[in-house]
């Protein structure tokens, strides 16, 4: 995912990776659009810790987009298209 987002490669938006935020580490974040991108495995399918984390981020004005590892690896174009739509909505 970082290879696809770094150096303003996606529609010229600046993303940072592994960003400390409070007690959390955000996988990828675009501060300009307040969009957090999380790439998860199956262990996150029903995580109460993730729910609490999302509540904190939403309260801070962020939107969270989650993608499964397999989707990022097997369908990167579809994931990027979805991210572009989410960026445009912000």
C-alpha atoms as a PDB file:
ATOM      1  CA  UNK A   1       0.000   0.000   0.000  1.00  0.00           C
ATOM      2  CA  UNK A   2       2.788   2.418   0.853  1.00  0.00           C
ATOM      3  CA  UNK A   3       4.284   1.969  -2.611  1.00  0.00           C
ATOM      4  CA  UNK A   4       0.952   3.156  -4.046  1.00  0.00           C
ATOM      5  CA  UNK A   5       0.456   6.126  -1.712  1.00  0.00           C
ATOM      6  CA  UNK A   6       3.919   7.575  -1.109  1.00  0.00           C
ATOM      7  CA  UNK A   7       5.396  10.633  -2.798  1.00  0.00           C
ATOM      8  CA  UNK A   8       1.937  12.059  -3.572  1.00  0.00           C
ATOM      9  CA  UNK A   9       1.361   9.289  -6.123  1.00  0.00           C
ATOM     10  CA  UNK A  10      -2.372   9.131  -5.498  1.00  0.00           C
ATOM     11  CA  UNK A  11      -4.023  12.243  -6.948  1.00  0.00           C
ATOM     12  CA  UNK A  12      -1.236  14.390  -5.461  1.00  0.00           C
ATOM     13  CA  UNK A  13      -2.462  13.837  -1.867  1.00  0.00           C
ATOM     14  CA  UNK A  14       0.181  13.564   0.821  1.00  0.00           C
ATOM     15  CA  UNK A  15      -0.022  10.448   2.962  1.00  0.00           C
ATOM     16  CA  UNK A  16       2.091   9.510   5.945  1.00  0.00           C
ATOM     17  CA  UNK A  17       2.525   5.990   7.261  1.00  0.00           C
ATOM     18  CA  UNK A  18       2.829   4.514  10.747  1.00  0.00           C
ATOM     19  CA  UNK A  19       1.791   7.795  12.363  1.00  0.00           C
ATOM     20  CA  UNK A  20       1.542   7.940  16.166  1.00  0.00           C
ATOM     21  CA  UNK A  21      -1.787   9.449  17.220  1.00  0.00           C
ATOM     22  CA  UNK A  22      -2.650   9.364  20.904  1.00  0.00           C
ATOM     23  CA  UNK A  23      -2.274   5.755  22.030  1.00  0.00           C
ATOM     24  CA  UNK A  24      -2.546   4.438  18.476  1.00  0.00           C
ATOM     25  CA  UNK A  25      -0.417   3.957  15.395  1.00  0.00           C
ATOM     26  CA  UNK A  26      -2.289   4.816  12.197  1.00  0.00           C
ATOM     27  CA  UNK A  27      -1.323   2.725   9.173  1.00  0.00           C
ATOM     28  CA  UNK A  28      -1.716   5.587   6.679  1.00  0.00           C
ATOM     29  CA  UNK A  29      -3.178   9.066   7.066  1.00  0.00           C
ATOM     30  CA  UNK A  30      -3.886  12.059   4.856  1.00  0.00           C
ATOM     31  CA  UNK A  31      -4.119  14.968   7.291  1.00  0.00           C
ATOM     32  CA  UNK A  32      -5.305  17.360   4.589  1.00  0.00           C
ATOM     33  CA  UNK A  33      -8.491  15.323   4.099  1.00  0.00           C
ATOM     34  CA  UNK A  34      -8.563  13.796   7.622  1.00  0.00           C
ATOM     35  CA  UNK A  35      -8.657  10.287   6.130  1.00  0.00           C
ATOM     36  CA  UNK A  36      -7.131   7.306   7.908  1.00  0.00           C
ATOM     37  CA  UNK A  37      -6.486   4.132   5.934  1.00  0.00           C
ATOM     38  CA  UNK A  38      -6.137   0.875   7.815  1.00  0.00           C
ATOM     39  CA  UNK A  39      -4.982  -2.337   6.172  1.00  0.00           C
ATOM     40  CA  UNK A  40      -6.065  -5.279   8.291  1.00  0.00           C
ATOM     41  CA  UNK A  41      -5.962  -9.019   8.547  1.00  0.00           C
ATOM     42  CA  UNK A  42      -8.744 -11.256   9.801  1.00  0.00           C
ATOM     43  CA  UNK A  43      -7.827 -10.634  13.457  1.00  0.00           C
ATOM     44  CA  UNK A  44      -9.547  -7.246  13.133  1.00  0.00           C
ATOM     45  CA  UNK A  45     -12.884  -8.670  11.944  1.00  0.00           C
ATOM     46  CA  UNK A  46     -14.688  -8.081  15.240  1.00  0.00           C
ATOM     47  CA  UNK A  47     -12.242  -6.222  17.442  1.00  0.00           C
ATOM     48  CA  UNK A  48     -13.674  -4.112  20.259  1.00  0.00           C
ATOM     49  CA  UNK A  49     -10.325  -2.351  20.487  1.00  0.00           C
ATOM     50  CA  UNK A  50     -10.752  -1.205  16.862  1.00  0.00           C
ATOM     51  CA  UNK A  51     -14.243   0.089  17.664  1.00  0.00           C
ATOM     52  CA  UNK A  52     -12.892   2.199  20.529  1.00  0.00           C
ATOM     53  CA  UNK A  53     -10.065   3.461  18.347  1.00  0.00           C
ATOM     54  CA  UNK A  54     -12.494   4.449  15.583  1.00  0.00           C
ATOM     55  CA  UNK A  55     -14.668   6.336  18.074  1.00  0.00           C
ATOM     56  CA  UNK A  56     -11.649   8.415  19.158  1.00  0.00           C
ATOM     57  CA  UNK A  57     -10.633   9.142  15.561  1.00  0.00           C
ATOM     58  CA  UNK A  58     -14.173  10.089  14.516  1.00  0.00           C
ATOM     59  CA  UNK A  59     -14.419  12.430  17.504  1.00  0.00           C
ATOM     60  CA  UNK A  60     -11.228  14.101  16.211  1.00  0.00           C
ATOM     61  CA  UNK A  61     -12.795  14.605  12.773  1.00  0.00           C
ATOM     62  CA  UNK A  62     -11.204  11.695  10.910  1.00  0.00           C
ATOM     63  CA  UNK A  63     -12.875   9.211   8.606  1.00  0.00           C
ATOM     64  CA  UNK A  64     -11.546   5.653   8.617  1.00  0.00           C
ATOM     65  CA  UNK A  65     -11.293   3.436   5.545  1.00  0.00           C
ATOM     66  CA  UNK A  66     -10.478  -0.221   6.199  1.00  0.00           C
ATOM     67  CA  UNK A  67      -9.233  -2.663   3.615  1.00  0.00           C
ATOM     68  CA  UNK A  68      -8.342  -6.313   3.955  1.00  0.00           C
ATOM     69  CA  UNK A  69      -4.765  -7.352   3.254  1.00  0.00           C
ATOM     70  CA  UNK A  70      -5.942  -9.658   0.458  1.00  0.00           C
ATOM     71  CA  UNK A  71      -7.807  -6.838  -1.296  1.00  0.00           C
ATOM     72  CA  UNK A  72      -4.748  -4.593  -1.233  1.00  0.00           C
ATOM     73  CA  UNK A  73      -2.561  -7.375  -2.633  1.00  0.00           C
ATOM     74  CA  UNK A  74      -4.985  -8.813  -5.194  1.00  0.00           C
ATOM     75  CA  UNK A  75      -7.047  -5.778  -6.243  1.00  0.00           C
ATOM     76  CA  UNK A  76      -4.900  -2.675  -5.672  1.00  0.00           C
ATOM     77  CA  UNK A  77      -6.622  -0.691  -8.441  1.00  0.00           C
ATOM     78  CA  UNK A  78     -10.047  -1.187  -6.868  1.00  0.00           C
ATOM     79  CA  UNK A  79      -8.711  -0.152  -3.464  1.00  0.00           C
ATOM     80  CA  UNK A  80      -7.113   2.979  -4.916  1.00  0.00           C
ATOM     81  CA  UNK A  81     -10.329   3.904  -6.745  1.00  0.00           C
ATOM     82  CA  UNK A  82     -12.236   3.593  -3.487  1.00  0.00           C
ATOM     83  CA  UNK A  83      -9.690   5.769  -1.675  1.00  0.00           C
ATOM     84  CA  UNK A  84      -9.984   8.443  -4.387  1.00  0.00           C
ATOM     85  CA  UNK A  85     -13.769   8.462  -3.934  1.00  0.00           C
ATOM     86  CA  UNK A  86     -13.370   8.846  -0.158  1.00  0.00           C
ATOM     87  CA  UNK A  87     -10.878  11.682  -0.631  1.00  0.00           C
ATOM     88  CA  UNK A  88     -13.283  13.464  -2.978  1.00  0.00           C
ATOM     89  CA  UNK A  89     -16.086  13.150  -0.413  1.00  0.00           C
ATOM     90  CA  UNK A  90     -13.989  14.981   2.175  1.00  0.00           C
END
